[in-house]
Amino acid sequence: MAFTDRHGGVSAGPYGTRNLGGAVGDDPAAVAENRAKTAVEFGLDQVVFMRQVHGTGVAYVEEPFGEEPFGGEPPALDGVFTGRPGLGLAVLVADCAPVLVADPEAGLVGGAHSGRPGTEAGVVPALVEAMAARGAEPERMVAVIGPSACGLCYEVPEDLRERVAARVPETWSRTRHGTPALDIRAGIAAQLARAGVADVRHDDRCTIETADLYSYRREQRTGRFAGYVWLTSG
């Protein structure tokens, strides 16, 4: 498992430099080079990228979507998992949480894109359930919640906070200034615990506060970093 940052790539301008998002206005050649460079650094021959839509769609994969070495046009998904060693799974984010899950004993790893809509709808429990249907056991799983907008920064209208908290109570939060906010990380951690995943780890960096990471809320026009997860063959 690993999380990239915005350094070490070839993108220019607001996407500088390791933008991995292909739908944010960056030069496609730069994105392709950044993706290829990152795959080499992680020792991956192929990487699966999703077309993330803030939903709960989850799929089992054994190769990238499309014809290109690093993936053609993928279907709309917000969760993928695999049992194929060496195949990387990438979750693109710029304030949403990349959630990486592994059951090494079952030989399965997965990743989910869980922002406000996905957390409210339950994409992470959907990933855990799908992995369990293929032989993983939640009590054996290790989950890592990656960098995301924190509960002290993610300001939202009060009616939105109340709606999301009605579904996932742990998301209810206030900013440092006392205004309504959502704590997506706390909500995901609670969802994982309710799904039976006891080993939940965190990269607590807030994207809005961390200049080394992309943040849509901070910059609007910006790139995407990613959480990567893969099975080793050894």
Protein backbone atom coordinates (compact mmCIF):
# COMPACT_ATOMS: atom_id res chain seq x y z
CA MET A 1 0.00 0.00 0.00
CA ALA A 2 1.21 3.49 -0.78
CA PHE A 3 0.01 7.05 -1.27
CA THR A 4 1.54 9.39 -3.80
CA ASP A 5 1.93 13.15 -3.43
CA ARG A 6 2.20 15.97 -5.95
CA HIS A 7 5.97 15.73 -6.45
CA GLY A 8 8.20 13.83 -8.88
CA GLY A 9 6.16 14.03 -12.09
CA VAL A 10 6.10 16.01 -15.33
CA SER A 11 2.81 17.95 -15.19
CA ALA A 12 2.94 21.75 -15.32
CA GLY A 13 0.91 24.63 -13.93
CA PRO A 14 -1.76 23.88 -11.33
CA TYR A 15 -1.24 20.15 -11.96
CA GLY A 16 2.43 20.21 -10.98
CA THR A 17 3.90 17.77 -10.95
CA ARG A 18 2.72 14.17 -10.35
CA ASN A 19 -0.92 14.53 -11.37
CA LEU A 20 -2.44 11.10 -11.92
CA GLY A 21 -5.97 12.26 -12.78
CA GLY A 22 -6.96 11.98 -16.39
CA ALA A 23 -10.14 14.05 -16.25
CA VAL A 24 -8.99 17.33 -14.71
CA GLY A 25 -7.72 19.20 -17.79
CA ASP A 26 -4.06 18.20 -17.65
CA ASP A 27 -2.06 17.22 -20.74
CA PRO A 28 -2.92 13.53 -21.37
CA ALA A 29 0.68 12.77 -22.30
CA ALA A 30 1.88 14.14 -18.96
CA VAL A 31 -0.72 12.09 -17.08
CA ALA A 32 0.29 8.93 -18.96
CA GLU A 33 3.96 9.57 -18.16
CA ASN A 34 3.18 10.20 -14.50
CA ARG A 35 1.15 6.99 -14.28
CA ALA A 36 3.85 4.96 -16.01
CA LYS A 37 6.58 6.44 -13.82
CA THR A 38 4.63 5.71 -10.65
CA ALA A 39 3.94 2.13 -11.73
CA VAL A 40 7.64 1.53 -12.35
CA GLU A 41 8.55 2.99 -8.95
CA PHE A 42 6.13 0.60 -7.26
CA GLY A 43 7.26 -2.36 -9.40
CA LEU A 44 3.88 -2.76 -11.11
CA ASP A 45 3.44 -3.89 -14.71
CA GLN A 46 -0.21 -2.87 -14.86
CA VAL A 47 -2.49 -0.58 -12.87
CA VAL A 48 -6.28 -0.41 -12.74
CA PHE A 49 -7.82 3.08 -12.70
CA MET A 50 -11.55 3.57 -12.19
CA ARG A 51 -13.95 6.15 -13.60
CA GLN A 52 -15.00 7.36 -10.18
CA VAL A 53 -18.54 8.72 -9.88
CA HIS A 54 -19.14 8.97 -6.09
CA GLY A 55 -21.24 5.81 -6.15
CA THR A 56 -21.12 2.35 -4.60
CA GLY A 57 -20.22 0.25 -7.64
CA VAL A 58 -17.55 -2.38 -6.87
CA ALA A 59 -15.93 -4.84 -9.28
CA TYR A 60 -13.42 -7.69 -9.18
CA VAL A 61 -10.62 -7.09 -11.70
CA GLU A 62 -7.69 -9.04 -13.11
CA GLU A 63 -6.44 -6.48 -15.65
CA PRO A 64 -6.81 -2.79 -16.51
CA PHE A 65 -9.86 -1.64 -18.40
CA GLY A 66 -9.42 -1.06 -22.13
CA GLU A 67 -6.54 -1.68 -24.49
CA GLU A 68 -3.87 0.70 -23.20
CA PRO A 69 -1.06 -0.62 -20.95
CA PHE A 70 -2.23 1.57 -18.08
CA GLY A 71 -5.93 1.39 -18.79
CA GLY A 72 -8.39 2.62 -21.41
CA GLU A 73 -11.85 4.00 -20.66
CA PRO A 74 -13.03 2.28 -17.46
CA PRO A 75 -16.62 1.74 -16.36
CA ALA A 76 -18.16 3.86 -13.62
CA LEU A 77 -16.88 2.38 -10.36
CA ASP A 78 -15.76 3.53 -6.94
CA GLY A 79 -14.33 0.27 -5.67
CA VAL A 80 -12.17 -2.49 -7.15
CA PHE A 81 -10.47 -5.56 -5.74
CA THR A 82 -8.24 -8.31 -7.08
CA GLY A 83 -6.51 -11.56 -6.29
CA ARG A 84 -3.91 -11.17 -9.03
CA PRO A 85 -0.38 -10.54 -7.70
CA GLY A 86 1.40 -7.55 -9.19
CA LEU A 87 -1.72 -5.80 -10.42
CA GLY A 88 -1.96 -2.33 -8.92
CA LEU A 89 -5.28 -0.77 -7.93
CA ALA A 90 -5.36 3.03 -7.88
CA VAL A 91 -7.83 5.33 -6.11
CA LEU A 92 -7.65 8.95 -7.28
CA VAL A 93 -8.44 11.72 -4.79
CA ALA A 94 -8.05 15.41 -3.99
CA ASP A 95 -10.02 15.67 -0.69
CA CYS A 96 -12.04 12.42 -0.76
CA ALA A 97 -10.58 9.47 1.14
CA PRO A 98 -8.72 6.66 -0.60
CA VAL A 99 -9.45 3.52 1.42
CA LEU A 100 -7.19 0.50 0.90
CA VAL A 101 -8.11 -2.94 2.21
CA ALA A 102 -6.20 -6.25 2.29
CA ASP A 103 -6.73 -9.81 3.47
CA PRO A 104 -3.33 -11.40 2.76
CA GLU A 105 -4.49 -14.84 3.89
CA ALA A 106 -7.30 -14.82 1.34
CA GLY A 107 -5.00 -13.26 -1.26
CA LEU A 108 -7.28 -10.29 -1.91
CA VAL A 109 -6.72 -6.54 -1.88
CA GLY A 110 -9.08 -3.70 -2.73
CA GLY A 111 -9.45 0.04 -2.92
CA ALA A 112 -12.40 2.42 -2.61
CA HIS A 113 -12.98 6.10 -3.37
CA SER A 114 -15.01 7.43 -0.45
CA GLY A 115 -15.87 11.11 -0.42
CA ARG A 116 -18.97 12.65 1.07
CA PRO A 117 -21.47 10.95 -1.30
CA GLY A 118 -19.66 7.60 -1.24
CA THR A 119 -19.39 7.59 2.53
CA GLU A 120 -23.05 8.47 2.89
CA ALA A 121 -24.01 5.70 0.45
CA GLY A 122 -21.61 3.13 1.91
CA VAL A 123 -19.01 2.34 -0.76
CA VAL A 124 -16.47 1.05 1.77
CA PRO A 125 -18.88 -1.46 3.37
CA ALA A 126 -19.81 -2.49 -0.19
CA LEU A 127 -16.14 -3.22 -0.92
CA VAL A 128 -15.73 -5.24 2.28
CA GLU A 129 -18.87 -7.21 1.47
CA ALA A 130 -17.75 -7.92 -2.09
CA MET A 131 -14.33 -9.11 -0.91
CA ALA A 132 -15.96 -11.31 1.73
CA ALA A 133 -18.12 -12.91 -0.97
CA ARG A 134 -14.87 -14.09 -2.61
CA GLY A 135 -13.42 -15.59 0.55
CA ALA A 136 -11.95 -12.69 2.51
CA GLU A 137 -12.84 -12.38 6.18
CA PRO A 138 -13.40 -8.90 7.67
CA GLU A 139 -11.76 -9.83 10.97
CA ARG A 140 -8.55 -10.64 9.06
CA MET A 141 -8.60 -7.50 6.95
CA VAL A 142 -6.27 -4.56 7.34
CA ALA A 143 -7.71 -1.23 6.17
CA VAL A 144 -5.88 2.05 5.68
CA ILE A 145 -7.79 5.32 5.36
CA GLY A 146 -5.62 7.70 3.37
CA PRO A 147 -5.25 11.48 3.42
CA SER A 148 -8.49 13.43 3.04
CA ALA A 149 -10.18 16.66 4.07
CA CYS A 150 -10.34 16.56 7.85
CA GLY A 151 -13.34 17.15 10.06
CA LEU A 152 -12.00 20.51 11.22
CA CYS A 153 -11.69 21.82 7.64
CA TYR A 154 -14.48 20.18 5.63
CA GLU A 155 -17.15 22.85 6.02
CA VAL A 156 -20.63 22.06 4.67
CA PRO A 157 -24.14 23.56 4.96
CA GLU A 158 -25.92 22.55 8.14
CA ASP A 159 -28.67 20.67 6.30
CA LEU A 160 -26.06 18.56 4.49
CA ARG A 161 -24.27 17.77 7.74
CA GLU A 162 -27.54 16.64 9.29
CA ARG A 163 -28.47 14.50 6.28
CA VAL A 164 -25.13 12.70 6.13
CA ALA A 165 -24.97 12.28 9.91
CA ALA A 166 -28.41 10.72 9.86
CA ARG A 167 -26.88 7.91 7.76
CA VAL A 168 -23.40 7.88 9.32
CA PRO A 169 -23.54 9.59 12.75
CA GLU A 170 -19.77 9.65 13.21
CA THR A 171 -19.37 12.14 10.35
CA TRP A 172 -20.97 14.97 12.37
CA SER A 173 -18.35 17.64 13.03
CA ARG A 174 -17.59 21.33 13.49
CA THR A 175 -14.81 23.38 11.93
CA ARG A 176 -12.30 25.25 14.07
CA HIS A 177 -14.58 28.24 13.69
CA GLY A 178 -17.62 26.37 14.96
CA THR A 179 -19.37 26.06 11.60
CA PRO A 180 -20.98 22.80 10.35
CA ALA A 181 -18.56 20.22 9.00
CA LEU A 182 -18.20 16.56 8.11
CA ASP A 183 -15.54 14.16 9.37
CA ILE A 184 -15.41 11.66 6.54
CA ARG A 185 -12.49 9.78 8.07
CA ALA A 186 -14.36 9.14 11.31
CA GLY A 187 -17.39 7.99 9.35
CA ILE A 188 -15.37 5.52 7.28
CA ALA A 189 -13.61 4.16 10.36
CA ALA A 190 -16.99 3.53 11.97
CA GLN A 191 -18.30 1.83 8.82
CA LEU A 192 -15.28 -0.46 8.74
CA ALA A 193 -15.73 -1.33 12.42
CA ARG A 194 -19.40 -2.13 11.87
CA ALA A 195 -18.41 -4.34 8.94
CA GLY A 196 -16.14 -6.34 11.26
CA VAL A 197 -12.77 -4.83 10.29
CA ALA A 198 -10.83 -4.37 13.52
CA ASP A 199 -7.43 -3.34 12.15
CA VAL A 200 -8.09 0.15 10.79
CA ARG A 201 -5.10 2.41 10.23
CA HIS A 202 -4.87 6.04 9.20
CA ASP A 203 -2.78 8.49 7.26
CA ASP A 204 -4.07 11.50 9.16
CA ARG A 205 -2.85 14.20 6.79
CA CYS A 206 -5.53 16.70 5.85
CA THR A 207 -5.47 17.45 2.14
CA ILE A 208 -6.71 21.01 2.65
CA GLU A 209 -3.88 21.72 5.09
CA THR A 210 -1.09 19.78 3.33
CA ALA A 211 0.57 21.61 0.43
CA ASP A 212 2.30 18.40 -0.73
CA LEU A 213 -1.09 16.91 -1.62
CA TYR A 214 -3.70 18.01 -4.13
CA SER A 215 -6.86 19.56 -2.71
CA TYR A 216 -9.84 20.57 -4.79
CA ARG A 217 -11.27 22.60 -1.94
CA ARG A 218 -8.04 24.54 -1.55
CA GLU A 219 -7.20 25.04 -5.23
CA GLN A 220 -10.25 24.17 -7.37
CA ARG A 221 -8.21 23.63 -10.55
CA THR A 222 -5.76 20.97 -9.47
CA GLY A 223 -4.53 17.41 -9.97
CA ARG A 224 -5.17 14.12 -8.24
CA PHE A 225 -2.92 11.98 -6.08
CA ALA A 226 -3.66 8.32 -5.48
CA GLY A 227 -3.71 5.46 -3.05
CA TYR A 228 -2.20 2.28 -4.51
CA VAL A 229 -2.65 -1.26 -3.26
CA TRP A 230 -1.35 -4.53 -4.71
CA LEU A 231 -0.53 -8.12 -3.86
CA THR A 232 3.07 -9.23 -4.02
CA SER A 233 3.88 -12.57 -5.59
CA GLY A 234 6.18 -13.71 -2.83
